Amino acid sequence: MSNIYSVVPRLISNQTVFTGKDLSESAKESFSLGYMFGMAEMAVYQSGVTLEDQAETLSAIHRILSDALDTDASDVVLLAIRSQQNDEFANGREVGSNDLGQWIKTKGQYVPMGLVNTGS
């Protein structure tokens, strides 16, 4: 799992080929933001960081999302934190987490397409 932090940004950004949207614009949409956050959060969990360590968790999520967006993701992480009660965000978070979990379970045979399948 040591390289999961470098793989997840590609799993997220590769989907933009099919959505036709810029990832930074998609991050402004609740479902897409939740999806990216959920996928990053699952990567952190799978890497062995305990989610109770909030500072380390958020730092790792920031790193993953910054790599995916190819820019500093501080504003995106802050927006995600503020969106925790939003239903679309929560749905996206669950789909993103499940997509990465399935990718891990199938050893890369499953192709995460949560952003594409929702039209985001």
PDB file of N, CA and C in Angstrom:
ATOM      1  N   MET A   1       0.801  -1.208   0.000  1.00  0.00           N
ATOM      2  CA  MET A   1       0.000   0.000   0.000  1.00  0.00           C
ATOM      3  C   MET A   1       0.842   1.270   0.000  1.00  0.00           C
ATOM      4  N   SER A   2       2.132   1.140   0.078  1.00  0.00           N
ATOM      5  CA  SER A   2       2.964   2.330   0.211  1.00  0.00           C
ATOM      6  C   SER A   2       2.835   3.293  -0.963  1.00  0.00           C
ATOM      7  N   ASN A   3       2.493   2.794  -2.131  1.00  0.00           N
ATOM      8  CA  ASN A   3       2.382   3.698  -3.273  1.00  0.00           C
ATOM      9  C   ASN A   3       0.945   4.124  -3.551  1.00  0.00           C
ATOM     10  N   ILE A   4       0.025   3.781  -2.661  1.00  0.00           N
ATOM     11  CA  ILE A   4      -1.384   4.118  -2.887  1.00  0.00           C
ATOM     12  C   ILE A   4      -1.589   5.628  -2.988  1.00  0.00           C
ATOM     13  N   TYR A   5      -0.774   6.408  -2.276  1.00  0.00           N
ATOM     14  CA  TYR A   5      -0.910   7.861  -2.343  1.00  0.00           C
ATOM     15  C   TYR A   5      -0.570   8.395  -3.732  1.00  0.00           C
ATOM     16  N   SER A   6       0.230   7.687  -4.485  1.00  0.00           N
ATOM     17  CA  SER A   6       0.551   8.135  -5.840  1.00  0.00           C
ATOM     18  C   SER A   6      -0.424   7.569  -6.868  1.00  0.00           C
ATOM     19  N   VAL A   7      -1.079   6.460  -6.551  1.00  0.00           N
ATOM     20  CA  VAL A   7      -2.017   5.833  -7.488  1.00  0.00           C
ATOM     21  C   VAL A   7      -3.377   6.521  -7.464  1.00  0.00           C
ATOM     22  N   VAL A   8      -3.855   6.846  -6.285  1.00  0.00           N
ATOM     23  CA  VAL A   8      -5.201   7.407  -6.146  1.00  0.00           C
ATOM     24  C   VAL A   8      -5.402   8.697  -6.952  1.00  0.00           C
ATOM     25  N   PRO A   9      -4.475   9.638  -6.947  1.00  0.00           N
ATOM     26  CA  PRO A   9      -4.694  10.823  -7.781  1.00  0.00           C
ATOM     27  C   PRO A   9      -4.908  10.474  -9.255  1.00  0.00           C
ATOM     28  N   ARG A  10      -4.198   9.453  -9.744  1.00  0.00           N
ATOM     29  CA  ARG A  10      -4.385   9.042 -11.141  1.00  0.00           C
ATOM     30  C   ARG A  10      -5.739   8.370 -11.340  1.00  0.00           C
ATOM     31  N   LEU A  11      -6.166   7.574 -10.367  1.00  0.00           N
ATOM     32  CA  LEU A  11      -7.482   6.929 -10.479  1.00  0.00           C
ATOM     33  C   LEU A  11      -8.597   7.968 -10.542  1.00  0.00           C
ATOM     34  N   ILE A  12      -8.412   9.059  -9.837  1.00  0.00           N
ATOM     35  CA  ILE A  12      -9.390  10.147  -9.862  1.00  0.00           C
ATOM     36  C   ILE A  12      -9.286  10.925 -11.172  1.00  0.00           C
ATOM     37  N   SER A  13      -8.097  11.395 -11.492  1.00  0.00           N
ATOM     38  CA  SER A  13      -7.938  12.279 -12.652  1.00  0.00           C
ATOM     39  C   SER A  13      -8.160  11.574 -13.984  1.00  0.00           C
ATOM     40  N   ASN A  14      -7.913  10.276 -14.055  1.00  0.00           N
ATOM     41  CA  ASN A  14      -8.146   9.546 -15.308  1.00  0.00           C
ATOM     42  C   ASN A  14      -9.605   9.586 -15.733  1.00  0.00           C
ATOM     43  N   GLN A  15     -10.494   9.781 -14.804  1.00  0.00           N
ATOM     44  CA  GLN A  15     -11.921   9.797 -15.118  1.00  0.00           C
ATOM     45  C   GLN A  15     -12.345  11.042 -15.885  1.00  0.00           C
ATOM     46  N   THR A  16     -11.539  12.096 -15.827  1.00  0.00           N
ATOM     47  CA  THR A  16     -11.898  13.332 -16.521  1.00  0.00           C
ATOM     48  C   THR A  16     -11.915  13.146 -18.035  1.00  0.00           C
ATOM     49  N   VAL A  17     -11.194  12.164 -18.532  1.00  0.00           N
ATOM     50  CA  VAL A  17     -11.218  11.865 -19.963  1.00  0.00           C
ATOM     51  C   VAL A  17     -12.645  11.529 -20.392  1.00  0.00           C
ATOM     52  N   PHE A  18     -13.378  10.867 -19.515  1.00  0.00           N
ATOM     53  CA  PHE A  18     -14.734  10.432 -19.832  1.00  0.00           C
ATOM     54  C   PHE A  18     -15.802  11.444 -19.440  1.00  0.00           C
ATOM     55  N   THR A  19     -15.514  12.268 -18.434  1.00  0.00           N
ATOM     56  CA  THR A  19     -16.516  13.255 -18.008  1.00  0.00           C
ATOM     57  C   THR A  19     -16.459  14.509 -18.868  1.00  0.00           C
ATOM     58  N   GLY A  20     -15.291  14.781 -19.432  1.00  0.00           N
ATOM     59  CA  GLY A  20     -15.130  15.987 -20.225  1.00  0.00           C
ATOM     60  C   GLY A  20     -15.050  17.245 -19.387  1.00  0.00           C
ATOM     61  N   LYS A  21     -14.908  17.074 -18.073  1.00  0.00           N
ATOM     62  CA  LYS A  21     -14.844  18.222 -17.172  1.00  0.00           C
ATOM     63  C   LYS A  21     -13.471  18.323 -16.544  1.00  0.00           C
ATOM     64  N   ASP A  22     -13.061  19.545 -16.287  1.00  0.00           N
ATOM     65  CA  ASP A  22     -11.836  19.801 -15.556  1.00  0.00           C
ATOM     66  C   ASP A  22     -12.057  19.371 -14.112  1.00  0.00           C
ATOM     67  N   LEU A  23     -11.083  18.685 -13.544  1.00  0.00           N
ATOM     68  CA  LEU A  23     -11.227  18.154 -12.187  1.00  0.00           C
ATOM     69  C   LEU A  23     -11.424  19.258 -11.152  1.00  0.00           C
ATOM     70  N   SER A  24     -10.779  20.394 -11.335  1.00  0.00           N
ATOM     71  CA  SER A  24     -10.947  21.481 -10.362  1.00  0.00           C
ATOM     72  C   SER A  24     -12.372  22.051 -10.412  1.00  0.00           C
ATOM     73  N   GLU A  25     -12.996  22.015 -11.579  1.00  0.00           N
ATOM     74  CA  GLU A  25     -14.396  22.442 -11.673  1.00  0.00           C
ATOM     75  C   GLU A  25     -15.316  21.397 -11.055  1.00  0.00           C
ATOM     76  N   SER A  26     -15.013  20.116 -11.292  1.00  0.00           N
ATOM     77  CA  SER A  26     -15.812  19.035 -10.704  1.00  0.00           C
ATOM     78  C   SER A  26     -15.761  19.080  -9.189  1.00  0.00           C
ATOM     79  N   ALA A  27     -14.640  19.507  -8.635  1.00  0.00           N
ATOM     80  CA  ALA A  27     -14.482  19.560  -7.183  1.00  0.00           C
ATOM     81  C   ALA A  27     -15.434  20.561  -6.535  1.00  0.00           C
ATOM     82  N   LYS A  28     -16.043  21.420  -7.318  1.00  0.00           N
ATOM     83  CA  LYS A  28     -17.011  22.381  -6.790  1.00  0.00           C
ATOM     84  C   LYS A  28     -18.404  21.780  -6.680  1.00  0.00           C
ATOM     85  N   GLU A  29     -18.599  20.591  -7.274  1.00  0.00           N
ATOM     86  CA  GLU A  29     -19.885  19.902  -7.229  1.00  0.00           C
ATOM     87  C   GLU A  29     -19.882  18.947  -6.033  1.00  0.00           C
ATOM     88  N   SER A  30     -20.943  18.940  -5.286  1.00  0.00           N
ATOM     89  CA  SER A  30     -20.998  18.191  -4.028  1.00  0.00           C
ATOM     90  C   SER A  30     -20.680  16.710  -4.195  1.00  0.00           C
ATOM     91  N   PHE A  31     -21.314  16.038  -5.169  1.00  0.00           N
ATOM     92  CA  PHE A  31     -21.057  14.611  -5.337  1.00  0.00           C
ATOM     93  C   PHE A  31     -19.592  14.369  -5.694  1.00  0.00           C
ATOM     94  N   SER A  32     -19.076  15.111  -6.647  1.00  0.00           N
ATOM     95  CA  SER A  32     -17.693  14.924  -7.094  1.00  0.00           C
ATOM     96  C   SER A  32     -16.699  15.207  -5.979  1.00  0.00           C
ATOM     97  N   LEU A  33     -16.961  16.249  -5.215  1.00  0.00           N
ATOM     98  CA  LEU A  33     -16.110  16.576  -4.074  1.00  0.00           C
ATOM     99  C   LEU A  33     -16.124  15.425  -3.073  1.00  0.00           C
ATOM    100  N   GLY A  34     -17.307  14.916  -2.773  1.00  0.00           N
ATOM    101  CA  GLY A  34     -17.421  13.786  -1.863  1.00  0.00           C
ATOM    102  C   GLY A  34     -16.714  12.553  -2.395  1.00  0.00           C
ATOM    103  N   TYR A  35     -16.835  12.307  -3.698  1.00  0.00           N
ATOM    104  CA  TYR A  35     -16.192  11.163  -4.326  1.00  0.00           C
ATOM    105  C   TYR A  35     -14.670  11.238  -4.145  1.00  0.00           C
ATOM    106  N   MET A  36     -14.106  12.382  -4.465  1.00  0.00           N
ATOM    107  CA  MET A  36     -12.652  12.555  -4.336  1.00  0.00           C
ATOM    108  C   MET A  36     -12.213  12.422  -2.883  1.00  0.00           C
ATOM    109  N   PHE A  37     -12.979  13.034  -1.984  1.00  0.00           N
ATOM    110  CA  PHE A  37     -12.661  12.959  -0.561  1.00  0.00           C
ATOM    111  C   PHE A  37     -12.748  11.513  -0.073  1.00  0.00           C
ATOM    112  N   GLY A  38     -13.805  10.811  -0.465  1.00  0.00           N
ATOM    113  CA  GLY A  38     -13.987   9.422  -0.048  1.00  0.00           C
ATOM    114  C   GLY A  38     -12.883   8.515  -0.544  1.00  0.00           C
ATOM    115  N   MET A  39     -12.475   8.726  -1.782  1.00  0.00           N
ATOM    116  CA  MET A  39     -11.402   7.911  -2.324  1.00  0.00           C
ATOM    117  C   MET A  39     -10.089   8.207  -1.585  1.00  0.00           C
ATOM    118  N   ALA A  40      -9.820   9.473  -1.338  1.00  0.00           N
ATOM    119  CA  ALA A  40      -8.601   9.844  -0.610  1.00  0.00           C
ATOM    120  C   ALA A  40      -8.639   9.325   0.822  1.00  0.00           C
ATOM    121  N   GLU A  41      -9.790   9.432   1.454  1.00  0.00           N
ATOM    122  CA  GLU A  41      -9.936   8.953   2.825  1.00  0.00           C
ATOM    123  C   GLU A  41      -9.713   7.439   2.910  1.00  0.00           C
ATOM    124  N   MET A  42     -10.238   6.693   1.947  1.00  0.00           N
ATOM    125  CA  MET A  42     -10.036   5.245   1.922  1.00  0.00           C
ATOM    126  C   MET A  42      -8.560   4.915   1.711  1.00  0.00           C
ATOM    127  N   ALA A  43      -7.877   5.698   0.894  1.00  0.00           N
ATOM    128  CA  ALA A  43      -6.440   5.481   0.686  1.00  0.00           C
ATOM    129  C   ALA A  43      -5.678   5.660   1.990  1.00  0.00           C
ATOM    130  N   VAL A  44      -6.044   6.676   2.737  1.00  0.00           N
ATOM    131  CA  VAL A  44      -5.399   6.937   4.023  1.00  0.00           C
ATOM    132  C   VAL A  44      -5.659   5.766   4.969  1.00  0.00           C
ATOM    133  N   TYR A  45      -6.894   5.325   5.022  1.00  0.00           N
ATOM    134  CA  TYR A  45      -7.255   4.195   5.876  1.00  0.00           C
ATOM    135  C   TYR A  45      -6.470   2.940   5.476  1.00  0.00           C
ATOM    136  N   GLN A  46      -6.398   2.667   4.187  1.00  0.00           N
ATOM    137  CA  GLN A  46      -5.702   1.475   3.697  1.00  0.00           C
ATOM    138  C   GLN A  46      -4.196   1.551   3.927  1.00  0.00           C
ATOM    139  N   SER A  47      -3.676   2.752   4.050  1.00  0.00           N
ATOM    140  CA  SER A  47      -2.235   2.908   4.275  1.00  0.00           C
ATOM    141  C   SER A  47      -1.852   2.662   5.726  1.00  0.00           C
ATOM    142  N   GLY A  48      -2.862   2.542   6.593  1.00  0.00           N
ATOM    143  CA  GLY A  48      -2.585   2.238   7.987  1.00  0.00           C
ATOM    144  C   GLY A  48      -2.673   3.423   8.927  1.00  0.00           C
ATOM    145  N   VAL A  49      -2.938   4.604   8.412  1.00  0.00           N
ATOM    146  CA  VAL A  49      -3.114   5.770   9.275  1.00  0.00           C
ATOM    147  C   VAL A  49      -4.466   5.621   9.962  1.00  0.00           C
ATOM    148  N   THR A  50      -4.498   5.768  11.256  1.00  0.00           N
ATOM    149  CA  THR A  50      -5.776   5.672  11.954  1.00  0.00           C
ATOM    150  C   THR A  50      -6.568   6.946  11.735  1.00  0.00           C
ATOM    151  N   LEU A  51      -7.820   6.781  11.393  1.00  0.00           N
ATOM    152  CA  LEU A  51      -8.653   7.943  11.096  1.00  0.00           C
ATOM    153  C   LEU A  51      -8.906   8.801  12.333  1.00  0.00           C
ATOM    154  N   GLU A  52      -8.585   8.281  13.516  1.00  0.00           N
ATOM    155  CA  GLU A  52      -8.715   9.072  14.732  1.00  0.00           C
ATOM    156  C   GLU A  52      -7.650  10.169  14.795  1.00  0.00           C
ATOM    157  N   ASP A  53      -6.539   9.977  14.094  1.00  0.00           N
ATOM    158  CA  ASP A  53      -5.490  10.985  14.035  1.00  0.00           C
ATOM    159  C   ASP A  53      -5.876  11.990  12.954  1.00  0.00           C
ATOM    160  N   GLN A  54      -6.727  12.942  13.316  1.00  0.00           N
ATOM    161  CA  GLN A  54      -7.311  13.856  12.346  1.00  0.00           C
ATOM    162  C   GLN A  54      -6.282  14.700  11.602  1.00  0.00           C
ATOM    163  N   ALA A  55      -5.272  15.179  12.291  1.00  0.00           N
ATOM    164  CA  ALA A  55      -4.274  16.022  11.642  1.00  0.00           C
ATOM    165  C   ALA A  55      -3.527  15.239  10.564  1.00  0.00           C
ATOM    166  N   GLU A  56      -3.109  14.033  10.904  1.00  0.00           N
ATOM    167  CA  GLU A  56      -2.381  13.212   9.928  1.00  0.00           C
ATOM    168  C   GLU A  56      -3.293  12.792   8.775  1.00  0.00           C
ATOM    169  N   THR A  57      -4.531  12.469   9.105  1.00  0.00           N
ATOM    170  CA  THR A  57      -5.496  12.077   8.074  1.00  0.00           C
ATOM    171  C   THR A  57      -5.740  13.216   7.100  1.00  0.00           C
ATOM    172  N   LEU A  58      -6.021  14.401   7.619  1.00  0.00           N
ATOM    173  CA  LEU A  58      -6.285  15.550   6.743  1.00  0.00           C
ATOM    174  C   LEU A  58      -5.056  15.944   5.939  1.00  0.00           C
ATOM    175  N   SER A  59      -3.893  15.815   6.520  1.00  0.00           N
ATOM    176  CA  SER A  59      -2.663  16.103   5.794  1.00  0.00           C
ATOM    177  C   SER A  59      -2.493  15.145   4.609  1.00  0.00           C
ATOM    178  N   ALA A  60      -2.768  13.867   4.844  1.00  0.00           N
ATOM    179  CA  ALA A  60      -2.649  12.878   3.767  1.00  0.00           C
ATOM    180  C   ALA A  60      -3.713  13.107   2.697  1.00  0.00           C
ATOM    181  N   ILE A  61      -4.941  13.407   3.111  1.00  0.00           N
ATOM    182  CA  ILE A  61      -6.002  13.701   2.150  1.00  0.00           C
ATOM    183  C   ILE A  61      -5.628  14.930   1.325  1.00  0.00           C
ATOM    184  N   HIS A  62      -5.096  15.941   1.982  1.00  0.00           N
ATOM    185  CA  HIS A  62      -4.645  17.148   1.283  1.00  0.00           C
ATOM    186  C   HIS A  62      -3.600  16.800   0.228  1.00  0.00           C
ATOM    187  N   ARG A  63      -2.654  15.975   0.601  1.00  0.00           N
ATOM    188  CA  ARG A  63      -1.584  15.575  -0.331  1.00  0.00           C
ATOM    189  C   ARG A  63      -2.159  14.846  -1.549  1.00  0.00           C
ATOM    190  N   ILE A  64      -3.050  13.903  -1.304  1.00  0.00           N
ATOM    191  CA  ILE A  64      -3.652  13.127  -2.394  1.00  0.00           C
ATOM    192  C   ILE A  64      -4.454  14.030  -3.323  1.00  0.00           C
ATOM    193  N   LEU A  65      -5.293  14.886  -2.747  1.00  0.00           N
ATOM    194  CA  LEU A  65      -6.118  15.770  -3.576  1.00  0.00           C
ATOM    195  C   LEU A  65      -5.281  16.823  -4.292  1.00  0.00           C
ATOM    196  N   SER A  66      -4.229  17.296  -3.656  1.00  0.00           N
ATOM    197  CA  SER A  66      -3.333  18.241  -4.330  1.00  0.00           C
ATOM    198  C   SER A  66      -2.684  17.595  -5.549  1.00  0.00           C
ATOM    199  N   ASP A  67      -2.285  16.341  -5.401  1.00  0.00           N
ATOM    200  CA  ASP A  67      -1.699  15.621  -6.535  1.00  0.00           C
ATOM    201  C   ASP A  67      -2.731  15.405  -7.635  1.00  0.00           C
ATOM    202  N   ALA A  68      -3.953  15.056  -7.253  1.00  0.00           N
ATOM    203  CA  ALA A  68      -5.012  14.819  -8.247  1.00  0.00           C
ATOM    204  C   ALA A  68      -5.346  16.099  -9.005  1.00  0.00           C
ATOM    205  N   LEU A  69      -5.432  17.201  -8.278  1.00  0.00           N
ATOM    206  CA  LEU A  69      -5.806  18.482  -8.880  1.00  0.00           C
ATOM    207  C   LEU A  69      -4.621  19.218  -9.486  1.00  0.00           C
ATOM    208  N   ASP A  70      -3.424  18.741  -9.199  1.00  0.00           N
ATOM    209  CA  ASP A  70      -2.185  19.348  -9.674  1.00  0.00           C
ATOM    210  C   ASP A  70      -2.043  20.801  -9.201  1.00  0.00           C
ATOM    211  N   THR A  71      -2.505  21.036  -7.979  1.00  0.00           N
ATOM    212  CA  THR A  71      -2.396  22.343  -7.348  1.00  0.00           C
ATOM    213  C   THR A  71      -2.660  22.161  -5.855  1.00  0.00           C
ATOM    214  N   ASP A  72      -2.414  23.186  -5.077  1.00  0.00           N
ATOM    215  CA  ASP A  72      -2.699  23.111  -3.646  1.00  0.00           C
ATOM    216  C   ASP A  72      -4.201  22.929  -3.434  1.00  0.00           C
ATOM    217  N   ALA A  73      -4.571  21.932  -2.668  1.00  0.00           N
ATOM    218  CA  ALA A  73      -5.988  21.593  -2.469  1.00  0.00           C
ATOM    219  C   ALA A  73      -6.533  22.075  -1.127  1.00  0.00           C
ATOM    220  N   SER A  74      -5.890  23.048  -0.513  1.00  0.00           N
ATOM    221  CA  SER A  74      -6.362  23.522   0.796  1.00  0.00           C
ATOM    222  C   SER A  74      -7.816  23.961   0.761  1.00  0.00           C
ATOM    223  N   ASP A  75      -8.199  24.721  -0.251  1.00  0.00           N
ATOM    224  CA  ASP A  75      -9.583  25.190  -0.353  1.00  0.00           C
ATOM    225  C   ASP A  75     -10.548  24.028  -0.581  1.00  0.00           C
ATOM    226  N   VAL A  76     -10.120  23.033  -1.345  1.00  0.00           N
ATOM    227  CA  VAL A  76     -10.959  21.868  -1.618  1.00  0.00           C
ATOM    228  C   VAL A  76     -11.175  21.063  -0.341  1.00  0.00           C
ATOM    229  N   VAL A  77     -10.117  20.859   0.431  1.00  0.00           N
ATOM    230  CA  VAL A  77     -10.233  20.123   1.692  1.00  0.00           C
ATOM    231  C   VAL A  77     -11.136  20.880   2.661  1.00  0.00           C
ATOM    232  N   LEU A  78     -10.980  22.188   2.731  1.00  0.00           N
ATOM    233  CA  LEU A  78     -11.828  23.001   3.601  1.00  0.00           C
ATOM    234  C   LEU A  78     -13.297  22.908   3.172  1.00  0.00           C
ATOM    235  N   LEU A  79     -13.546  22.967   1.871  1.00  0.00           N
ATOM    236  CA  LEU A  79     -14.910  22.830   1.369  1.00  0.00           C
ATOM    237  C   LEU A  79     -15.475  21.449   1.715  1.00  0.00           C
ATOM    238  N   ALA A  80     -14.639  20.419   1.608  1.00  0.00           N
ATOM    239  CA  ALA A  80     -15.077  19.058   1.949  1.00  0.00           C
ATOM    240  C   ALA A  80     -15.443  18.961   3.429  1.00  0.00           C
ATOM    241  N   ILE A  81     -14.642  19.560   4.272  1.00  0.00           N
ATOM    242  CA  ILE A  81     -14.925  19.538   5.708  1.00  0.00           C
ATOM    243  C   ILE A  81     -16.256  20.235   5.996  1.00  0.00           C
ATOM    244  N   ARG A  82     -16.502  21.322   5.301  1.00  0.00           N
ATOM    245  CA  ARG A  82     -17.753  22.068   5.499  1.00  0.00           C
ATOM    246  C   ARG A  82     -18.962  21.362   4.882  1.00  0.00           C
ATOM    247  N   SER A  83     -18.727  20.398   4.003  1.00  0.00           N
ATOM    248  CA  SER A  83     -19.804  19.723   3.272  1.00  0.00           C
ATOM    249  C   SER A  83     -20.226  18.400   3.896  1.00  0.00           C
ATOM    250  N   GLN A  84     -19.699  18.085   5.061  1.00  0.00           N
ATOM    251  CA  GLN A  84     -19.927  16.776   5.667  1.00  0.00           C
ATOM    252  C   GLN A  84     -21.404  16.435   5.840  1.00  0.00           C
ATOM    253  N   GLN A  85     -22.261  17.396   6.037  1.00  0.00           N
ATOM    254  CA  GLN A  85     -23.687  17.134   6.265  1.00  0.00           C
ATOM    255  C   GLN A  85     -24.508  17.132   4.977  1.00  0.00           C
ATOM    256  N   ASN A  86     -23.888  17.433   3.852  1.00  0.00           N
ATOM    257  CA  ASN A  86     -24.575  17.482   2.564  1.00  0.00           C
ATOM    258  C   ASN A  86     -24.811  16.061   2.040  1.00  0.00           C
ATOM    259  N   ASP A  87     -26.045  15.749   1.665  1.00  0.00           N
ATOM    260  CA  ASP A  87     -26.386  14.394   1.209  1.00  0.00           C
ATOM    261  C   ASP A  87     -25.649  13.994  -0.066  1.00  0.00           C
ATOM    262  N   GLU A  88     -25.530  14.908  -1.014  1.00  0.00           N
ATOM    263  CA  GLU A  88     -24.806  14.591  -2.252  1.00  0.00           C
ATOM    264  C   GLU A  88     -23.337  14.327  -1.963  1.00  0.00           C
ATOM    265  N   PHE A  89     -22.756  15.121  -1.093  1.00  0.00           N
ATOM    266  CA  PHE A  89     -21.370  14.904  -0.693  1.00  0.00           C
ATOM    267  C   PHE A  89     -21.231  13.526  -0.055  1.00  0.00           C
ATOM    268  N   ALA A  90     -22.134  13.195   0.869  1.00  0.00           N
ATOM    269  CA  ALA A  90     -22.079  11.903   1.562  1.00  0.00           C
ATOM    270  C   ALA A  90     -22.205  10.735   0.585  1.00  0.00           C
ATOM    271  N   ASN A  91     -23.083  10.883  -0.392  1.00  0.00           N
ATOM    272  CA  ASN A  91     -23.246   9.847  -1.409  1.00  0.00           C
ATOM    273  C   ASN A  91     -21.957   9.692  -2.222  1.00  0.00           C
ATOM    274  N   GLY A  92     -21.381  10.808  -2.647  1.00  0.00           N
ATOM    275  CA  GLY A  92     -20.134  10.771  -3.398  1.00  0.00           C
ATOM    276  C   GLY A  92     -18.997  10.180  -2.581  1.00  0.00           C
ATOM    277  N   ARG A  93     -18.957  10.526  -1.315  1.00  0.00           N
ATOM    278  CA  ARG A  93     -17.924  10.006  -0.411  1.00  0.00           C
ATOM    279  C   ARG A  93     -18.001   8.488  -0.326  1.00  0.00           C
ATOM    280  N   GLU A  94     -19.226   7.979  -0.207  1.00  0.00           N
ATOM    281  CA  GLU A  94     -19.414   6.531  -0.132  1.00  0.00           C
ATOM    282  C   GLU A  94     -19.022   5.851  -1.448  1.00  0.00           C
ATOM    283  N   VAL A  95     -19.420   6.433  -2.570  1.00  0.00           N
ATOM    284  CA  VAL A  95     -19.080   5.852  -3.872  1.00  0.00           C
ATOM    285  C   VAL A  95     -17.567   5.868  -4.086  1.00  0.00           C
ATOM    286  N   GLY A  96     -16.910   6.967  -3.735  1.00  0.00           N
ATOM    287  CA  GLY A  96     -15.455   7.057  -3.880  1.00  0.00           C
ATOM    288  C   GLY A  96     -14.730   6.041  -3.016  1.00  0.00           C
ATOM    289  N   SER A  97     -15.166   5.918  -1.793  1.00  0.00           N
ATOM    290  CA  SER A  97     -14.571   4.947  -0.879  1.00  0.00           C
ATOM    291  C   SER A  97     -14.766   3.527  -1.400  1.00  0.00           C
ATOM    292  N   ASN A  98     -15.983   3.229  -1.840  1.00  0.00           N
ATOM    293  CA  ASN A  98     -16.272   1.897  -2.366  1.00  0.00           C
ATOM    294  C   ASN A  98     -15.506   1.611  -3.654  1.00  0.00           C
ATOM    295  N   ASP A  99     -15.379   2.619  -4.517  1.00  0.00           N
ATOM    296  CA  ASP A  99     -14.616   2.436  -5.761  1.00  0.00           C
ATOM    297  C   ASP A  99     -13.174   2.033  -5.461  1.00  0.00           C
ATOM    298  N   LEU A 100     -12.542   2.754  -4.539  1.00  0.00           N
ATOM    299  CA  LEU A 100     -11.157   2.417  -4.216  1.00  0.00           C
ATOM    300  C   LEU A 100     -11.083   1.066  -3.516  1.00  0.00           C
ATOM    301  N   GLY A 101     -12.025   0.781  -2.628  1.00  0.00           N
ATOM    302  CA  GLY A 101     -12.044  -0.511  -1.967  1.00  0.00           C
ATOM    303  C   GLY A 101     -12.156  -1.655  -2.958  1.00  0.00           C
ATOM    304  N   GLN A 102     -13.010  -1.488  -3.956  1.00  0.00           N
ATOM    305  CA  GLN A 102     -13.173  -2.515  -4.987  1.00  0.00           C
ATOM    306  C   GLN A 102     -11.911  -2.641  -5.840  1.00  0.00           C
ATOM    307  N   TRP A 103     -11.280  -1.529  -6.149  1.00  0.00           N
ATOM    308  CA  TRP A 103     -10.030  -1.536  -6.916  1.00  0.00           C
ATOM    309  C   TRP A 103      -8.954  -2.318  -6.153  1.00  0.00           C
ATOM    310  N   ILE A 104      -8.875  -2.087  -4.855  1.00  0.00           N
ATOM    311  CA  ILE A 104      -7.894  -2.790  -4.016  1.00  0.00           C
ATOM    312  C   ILE A 104      -8.234  -4.279  -3.952  1.00  0.00           C
ATOM    313  N   LYS A 105      -9.506  -4.572  -3.711  1.00  0.00           N
ATOM    314  CA  LYS A 105      -9.954  -5.964  -3.574  1.00  0.00           C
ATOM    315  C   LYS A 105      -9.648  -6.783  -4.830  1.00  0.00           C
ATOM    316  N   THR A 106      -9.788  -6.161  -5.995  1.00  0.00           N
ATOM    317  CA  THR A 106      -9.566  -6.873  -7.252  1.00  0.00           C
ATOM    318  C   THR A 106      -8.133  -6.721  -7.760  1.00  0.00           C
ATOM    319  N   LYS A 107      -7.277  -6.143  -6.929  1.00  0.00           N
ATOM    320  CA  LYS A 107      -5.855  -5.939  -7.279  1.00  0.00           C
ATOM    321  C   LYS A 107      -5.695  -5.174  -8.593  1.00  0.00           C
ATOM    322  N   GLY A 108      -6.521  -4.135  -8.732  1.00  0.00           N
ATOM    323  CA  GLY A 108      -6.412  -3.252  -9.881  1.00  0.00           C
ATOM    324  C   GLY A 108      -7.203  -3.672 -11.103  1.00  0.00           C
ATOM    325  N   GLN A 109      -7.942  -4.763 -11.018  1.00  0.00           N
ATOM    326  CA  GLN A 109      -8.739  -5.219 -12.160  1.00  0.00           C
ATOM    327  C   GLN A 109     -10.016  -4.393 -12.332  1.00  0.00           C
ATOM    328  N   TYR A 110     -10.552  -3.903 -11.231  1.00  0.00           N
ATOM    329  CA  TYR A 110     -11.734  -3.045 -11.272  1.00  0.00           C
ATOM    330  C   TYR A 110     -11.286  -1.633 -11.621  1.00  0.00           C
ATOM    331  N   VAL A 111     -12.023  -0.980 -12.508  1.00  0.00           N
ATOM    332  CA  VAL A 111     -11.691   0.388 -12.904  1.00  0.00           C
ATOM    333  C   VAL A 111     -12.687   1.351 -12.247  1.00  0.00           C
ATOM    334  N   PRO A 112     -12.220   2.168 -11.311  1.00  0.00           N
ATOM    335  CA  PRO A 112     -13.120   3.138 -10.673  1.00  0.00           C
ATOM    336  C   PRO A 112     -13.681   4.125 -11.691  1.00  0.00           C
ATOM    337  N   MET A 113     -14.993   4.225 -11.734  1.00  0.00           N
ATOM    338  CA  MET A 113     -15.650   5.119 -12.685  1.00  0.00           C
ATOM    339  C   MET A 113     -16.804   5.875 -12.037  1.00  0.00           C
ATOM    340  N   GLY A 114     -16.740   6.073 -10.736  1.00  0.00           N
ATOM    341  CA  GLY A 114     -17.827   6.738 -10.011  1.00  0.00           C
ATOM    342  C   GLY A 114     -18.138   8.134 -10.484  1.00  0.00           C
ATOM    343  N   LEU A 115     -17.134   8.868 -10.911  1.00  0.00           N
ATOM    344  CA  LEU A 115     -17.385  10.208 -11.426  1.00  0.00           C
ATOM    345  C   LEU A 115     -18.075  10.160 -12.786  1.00  0.00           C
ATOM    346  N   VAL A 116     -17.758   9.161 -13.553  1.00  0.00           N
ATOM    347  CA  VAL A 116     -18.331   9.011 -14.892  1.00  0.00           C
ATOM    348  C   VAL A 116     -19.757   8.496 -14.817  1.00  0.00           C
ATOM    349  N   ASN A 117     -19.988   7.499 -13.990  1.00  0.00           N
ATOM    350  CA  ASN A 117     -21.289   6.847 -13.913  1.00  0.00           C
ATOM    351  C   ASN A 117     -22.375   7.728 -13.330  1.00  0.00           C
ATOM    352  N   THR A 118     -22.000   8.823 -12.700  1.00  0.00           N
ATOM    353  CA  THR A 118     -22.992   9.725 -12.139  1.00  0.00           C
ATOM    354  C   THR A 118     -23.198  10.956 -13.013  1.00  0.00           C
ATOM    355  N   GLY A 119     -22.404  11.066 -14.057  1.00  0.00           N
ATOM    356  CA  GLY A 119     -22.514  12.212 -14.940  1.00  0.00           C
ATOM    357  C   GLY A 119     -21.853  13.450 -14.401  1.00  0.00           C
ATOM    358  N   SER A 120     -21.071  13.327 -13.334  1.00  0.00           N
ATOM    359  CA  SER A 120     -20.398  14.483 -12.727  1.00  0.00           C
ATOM    360  C   SER A 120     -19.191  14.890 -13.512  1.00  0.00           C
TER     361      SER A 120
END
